[in-house]
Amino acid sequence: MMDNKNKRDILDVGAPKAADYPEENMPKSDVSRPRLDAGVSPQEGGYFLNKFLEGDAEKKAADAAEAEAANAEATTTGDVPESKEALEANIVAALQEIYDPEIPVNIYELGLIYGVDIDDDWRVRVTMTLTTPHCPVAESMPGEVELKVNTVPGVNGCDVALVWEPAWDMSKMTDEARLELGLL
């Protein structure tokens, strides 16, 4: 019989030493973590959930601070239009970049936008409809409109109201849209 005991490769699975890790990978502060040898499961007490939520709250706070700084910078750099009419023109230009996925015409020329209202603190309300309540983009189009309007400099928030009355019909299209679709 062969004695292989001394010839085997043995993987050392002992606890790593602090010198084995670069300093940037070391914990920043001593955190009490649940230990299995103490008879407490890491899931008990919501340790991981709490750590996740703390990180999420920190991220949201950082994002809010960044958005506020960007808004303050836009205000000081003169990106805010001088009038509501100028802001409305910029919003219409942004809406003309959104196309209906089934019809090769933008939603503004298609007549899906019923109104753009701007209040005194530059908050925008867009009233819109869709070609039909069964439109495949009924769930995503209002969100896309809201995101696009919020990118316009000077807009201080956007609400999109999806309405079905009055119902959309082809008479709401502009002449440019009719020409594009070959209806003129």
Protein backbone atom coordinates (compact mmCIF):
# COMPACT_ATOMS: atom_id res chain seq x y z
CA MET A 1 0.00 0.00 0.00
CA MET A 2 1.22 3.47 -0.91
CA ASP A 3 1.48 6.23 1.57
CA ASN A 4 0.10 9.34 -0.19
CA LYS A 5 -0.42 11.34 2.94
CA ASN A 6 2.71 13.42 2.45
CA LYS A 7 2.30 13.79 -1.33
CA ARG A 8 -1.23 15.27 -1.42
CA ASP A 9 -1.89 18.90 -2.17
CA ILE A 10 -3.73 20.31 0.76
CA LEU A 11 -5.83 23.43 0.44
CA ASP A 12 -5.41 25.61 3.46
CA VAL A 13 -8.89 26.87 4.32
CA GLY A 14 -7.90 28.55 7.53
CA ALA A 15 -8.98 32.07 8.30
CA PRO A 16 -7.14 34.65 6.20
CA LYS A 17 -4.89 37.09 7.89
CA ALA A 18 -5.28 40.85 7.58
CA ALA A 19 -1.97 41.01 5.74
CA ASP A 20 -3.47 38.88 2.94
CA TYR A 21 -5.84 41.70 1.85
CA PRO A 22 -5.12 45.17 0.47
CA GLU A 23 -5.99 48.01 2.82
CA GLU A 24 -8.80 49.32 0.56
CA ASN A 25 -10.64 45.99 0.93
CA MET A 26 -10.58 46.07 4.71
CA PRO A 27 -13.71 47.20 6.60
CA LYS A 28 -13.78 50.92 7.32
CA SER A 29 -15.10 50.44 10.83
CA ASP A 30 -15.63 47.56 13.16
CA VAL A 31 -19.17 46.35 12.47
CA SER A 32 -20.81 43.81 14.69
CA ARG A 33 -22.07 41.13 12.39
CA PRO A 34 -24.15 38.13 13.35
CA ARG A 35 -22.00 35.11 13.84
CA LEU A 36 -23.05 31.55 13.20
CA ASP A 37 -20.92 30.24 16.06
CA ALA A 38 -22.94 32.46 18.42
CA GLY A 39 -26.06 30.48 17.51
CA VAL A 40 -27.71 33.39 15.66
CA SER A 41 -28.58 33.12 12.00
CA PRO A 42 -27.52 36.10 9.86
CA GLN A 43 -31.09 36.31 8.61
CA GLU A 44 -32.45 36.76 12.13
CA GLY A 45 -32.91 40.34 13.09
CA GLY A 46 -32.90 41.45 9.44
CA TYR A 47 -29.18 42.28 9.39
CA PHE A 48 -28.80 41.98 5.62
CA LEU A 49 -32.11 43.69 4.87
CA ASN A 50 -31.20 46.57 7.17
CA LYS A 51 -27.79 46.94 5.53
CA PHE A 52 -29.44 46.91 2.08
CA LEU A 53 -31.99 49.52 3.10
CA GLU A 54 -29.33 51.73 4.68
CA GLY A 55 -27.36 51.66 1.43
CA ASP A 56 -30.54 52.37 -0.56
CA ALA A 57 -31.37 55.36 1.67
CA GLU A 58 -27.83 56.70 1.28
CA LYS A 59 -28.08 56.32 -2.52
CA LYS A 60 -31.45 58.12 -2.63
CA ALA A 61 -30.10 60.95 -0.48
CA ALA A 62 -27.04 61.29 -2.74
CA ASP A 63 -29.24 61.26 -5.88
CA ALA A 64 -31.55 63.91 -4.41
CA ALA A 65 -28.60 66.12 -3.49
CA GLU A 66 -27.15 65.70 -7.00
CA ALA A 67 -30.50 66.59 -8.64
CA GLU A 68 -30.87 69.63 -6.40
CA ALA A 69 -27.35 70.78 -7.27
CA ALA A 70 -28.05 70.31 -10.99
CA ASN A 71 -31.30 72.26 -10.69
CA ALA A 72 -29.54 75.05 -8.79
CA GLU A 73 -26.80 75.12 -11.43
CA ALA A 74 -29.40 75.29 -14.23
CA THR A 75 -31.05 78.21 -12.47
CA THR A 76 -27.79 80.10 -12.04
CA THR A 77 -26.45 79.38 -15.53
CA GLY A 78 -29.51 80.84 -17.23
CA ASP A 79 -30.92 77.57 -18.61
CA VAL A 80 -34.37 78.53 -17.35
CA PRO A 81 -36.42 80.13 -20.16
CA GLU A 82 -37.49 83.72 -19.71
CA SER A 83 -41.20 82.97 -20.19
CA LYS A 84 -43.75 80.20 -20.03
CA GLU A 85 -44.21 80.45 -23.80
CA ALA A 86 -40.50 79.76 -24.39
CA LEU A 87 -40.62 76.82 -21.97
CA GLU A 88 -43.72 75.45 -23.70
CA ALA A 89 -41.95 75.68 -27.07
CA ASN A 90 -39.02 73.70 -25.63
CA ILE A 91 -41.41 71.09 -24.22
CA VAL A 92 -43.20 70.74 -27.56
CA ALA A 93 -39.82 70.27 -29.27
CA ALA A 94 -38.99 67.51 -26.77
CA LEU A 95 -42.37 65.84 -27.31
CA GLN A 96 -41.77 65.87 -31.06
CA GLU A 97 -38.85 63.49 -30.44
CA ILE A 98 -41.19 60.74 -29.15
CA TYR A 99 -42.60 58.54 -31.90
CA ASP A 100 -45.55 56.18 -31.84
CA PRO A 101 -44.04 52.71 -32.31
CA GLU A 102 -46.73 51.61 -34.78
CA ILE A 103 -47.11 54.84 -36.76
CA PRO A 104 -43.94 56.60 -38.02
CA VAL A 105 -45.09 60.01 -36.75
CA ASN A 106 -44.24 61.81 -33.51
CA ILE A 107 -46.93 61.94 -30.84
CA TYR A 108 -47.32 65.71 -31.00
CA GLU A 109 -48.00 65.80 -34.77
CA LEU A 110 -50.27 62.77 -34.32
CA GLY A 111 -52.47 64.87 -32.05
CA LEU A 112 -52.02 62.74 -28.94
CA ILE A 113 -50.99 65.74 -26.82
CA TYR A 114 -54.09 67.67 -25.79
CA GLY A 115 -52.41 70.26 -23.60
CA VAL A 116 -49.24 71.48 -21.90
CA ASP A 117 -49.94 73.55 -18.80
CA ILE A 118 -47.17 75.29 -16.83
CA ASP A 119 -47.83 76.66 -13.35
CA ASP A 120 -46.03 79.52 -11.61
CA ASP A 121 -43.29 77.35 -10.10
CA TRP A 122 -42.47 75.80 -13.53
CA ARG A 123 -44.23 72.49 -12.84
CA VAL A 124 -45.71 71.03 -16.04
CA ARG A 125 -48.93 69.06 -16.57
CA VAL A 126 -49.25 67.26 -19.90
CA THR A 127 -52.71 66.06 -20.91
CA MET A 128 -52.53 63.34 -23.52
CA THR A 129 -54.37 60.40 -24.99
CA LEU A 130 -53.50 57.36 -27.07
CA THR A 131 -54.87 56.21 -30.41
CA THR A 132 -56.90 53.54 -28.59
CA PRO A 133 -57.28 52.35 -24.99
CA HIS A 134 -55.95 48.98 -26.18
CA CYS A 135 -52.74 50.53 -27.48
CA PRO A 136 -49.74 48.29 -26.69
CA VAL A 137 -47.79 51.25 -25.28
CA ALA A 138 -50.59 52.36 -22.93
CA GLU A 139 -48.44 51.51 -19.92
CA SER A 140 -45.13 52.91 -21.12
CA MET A 141 -45.96 55.99 -23.21
CA PRO A 142 -47.05 58.31 -20.33
CA GLY A 143 -43.86 57.43 -18.46
CA GLU A 144 -41.77 58.15 -21.54
CA VAL A 145 -43.51 61.53 -21.94
CA GLU A 146 -42.86 62.37 -18.28
CA LEU A 147 -39.17 61.46 -18.55
CA LYS A 148 -38.72 63.47 -21.75
CA VAL A 149 -40.45 66.59 -20.36
CA ASN A 150 -38.38 66.39 -17.16
CA THR A 151 -35.19 66.64 -19.27
CA VAL A 152 -36.19 70.07 -20.60
CA PRO A 153 -34.18 72.79 -18.81
CA GLY A 154 -36.39 74.85 -16.54
CA VAL A 155 -39.00 72.17 -15.87
CA ASN A 156 -39.51 71.68 -12.14
CA GLY A 157 -41.41 68.39 -12.36
CA CYS A 158 -43.99 66.88 -14.67
CA ASP A 159 -47.36 65.18 -14.27
CA VAL A 160 -48.92 63.32 -17.19
CA ALA A 161 -52.69 62.90 -17.32
CA LEU A 162 -53.85 60.17 -19.68
CA VAL A 163 -57.43 60.91 -20.77
CA TRP A 164 -59.85 59.12 -23.07
CA GLU A 165 -62.36 61.93 -23.56
CA PRO A 166 -62.45 63.35 -26.14
CA ALA A 167 -61.46 60.20 -27.98
CA TRP A 168 -58.62 60.51 -30.47
CA ASP A 169 -59.46 60.35 -34.16
CA MET A 170 -57.58 61.12 -37.35
CA SER A 171 -58.90 64.68 -37.46
CA LYS A 172 -56.54 65.54 -34.58
CA MET A 173 -53.45 64.91 -36.74
CA THR A 174 -51.55 67.85 -38.20
CA ASP A 175 -51.22 68.27 -41.96
CA GLU A 176 -47.55 67.25 -41.67
CA ALA A 177 -48.57 63.94 -40.08
CA ARG A 178 -51.19 63.31 -42.75
CA LEU A 179 -48.64 64.05 -45.45
CA GLU A 180 -46.15 61.67 -43.81
CA LEU A 181 -48.78 58.92 -43.74
CA GLY A 182 -49.90 59.59 -47.32
CA LEU A 183 -53.37 60.75 -46.30
CA LEU A 184 -53.16 64.10 -48.16
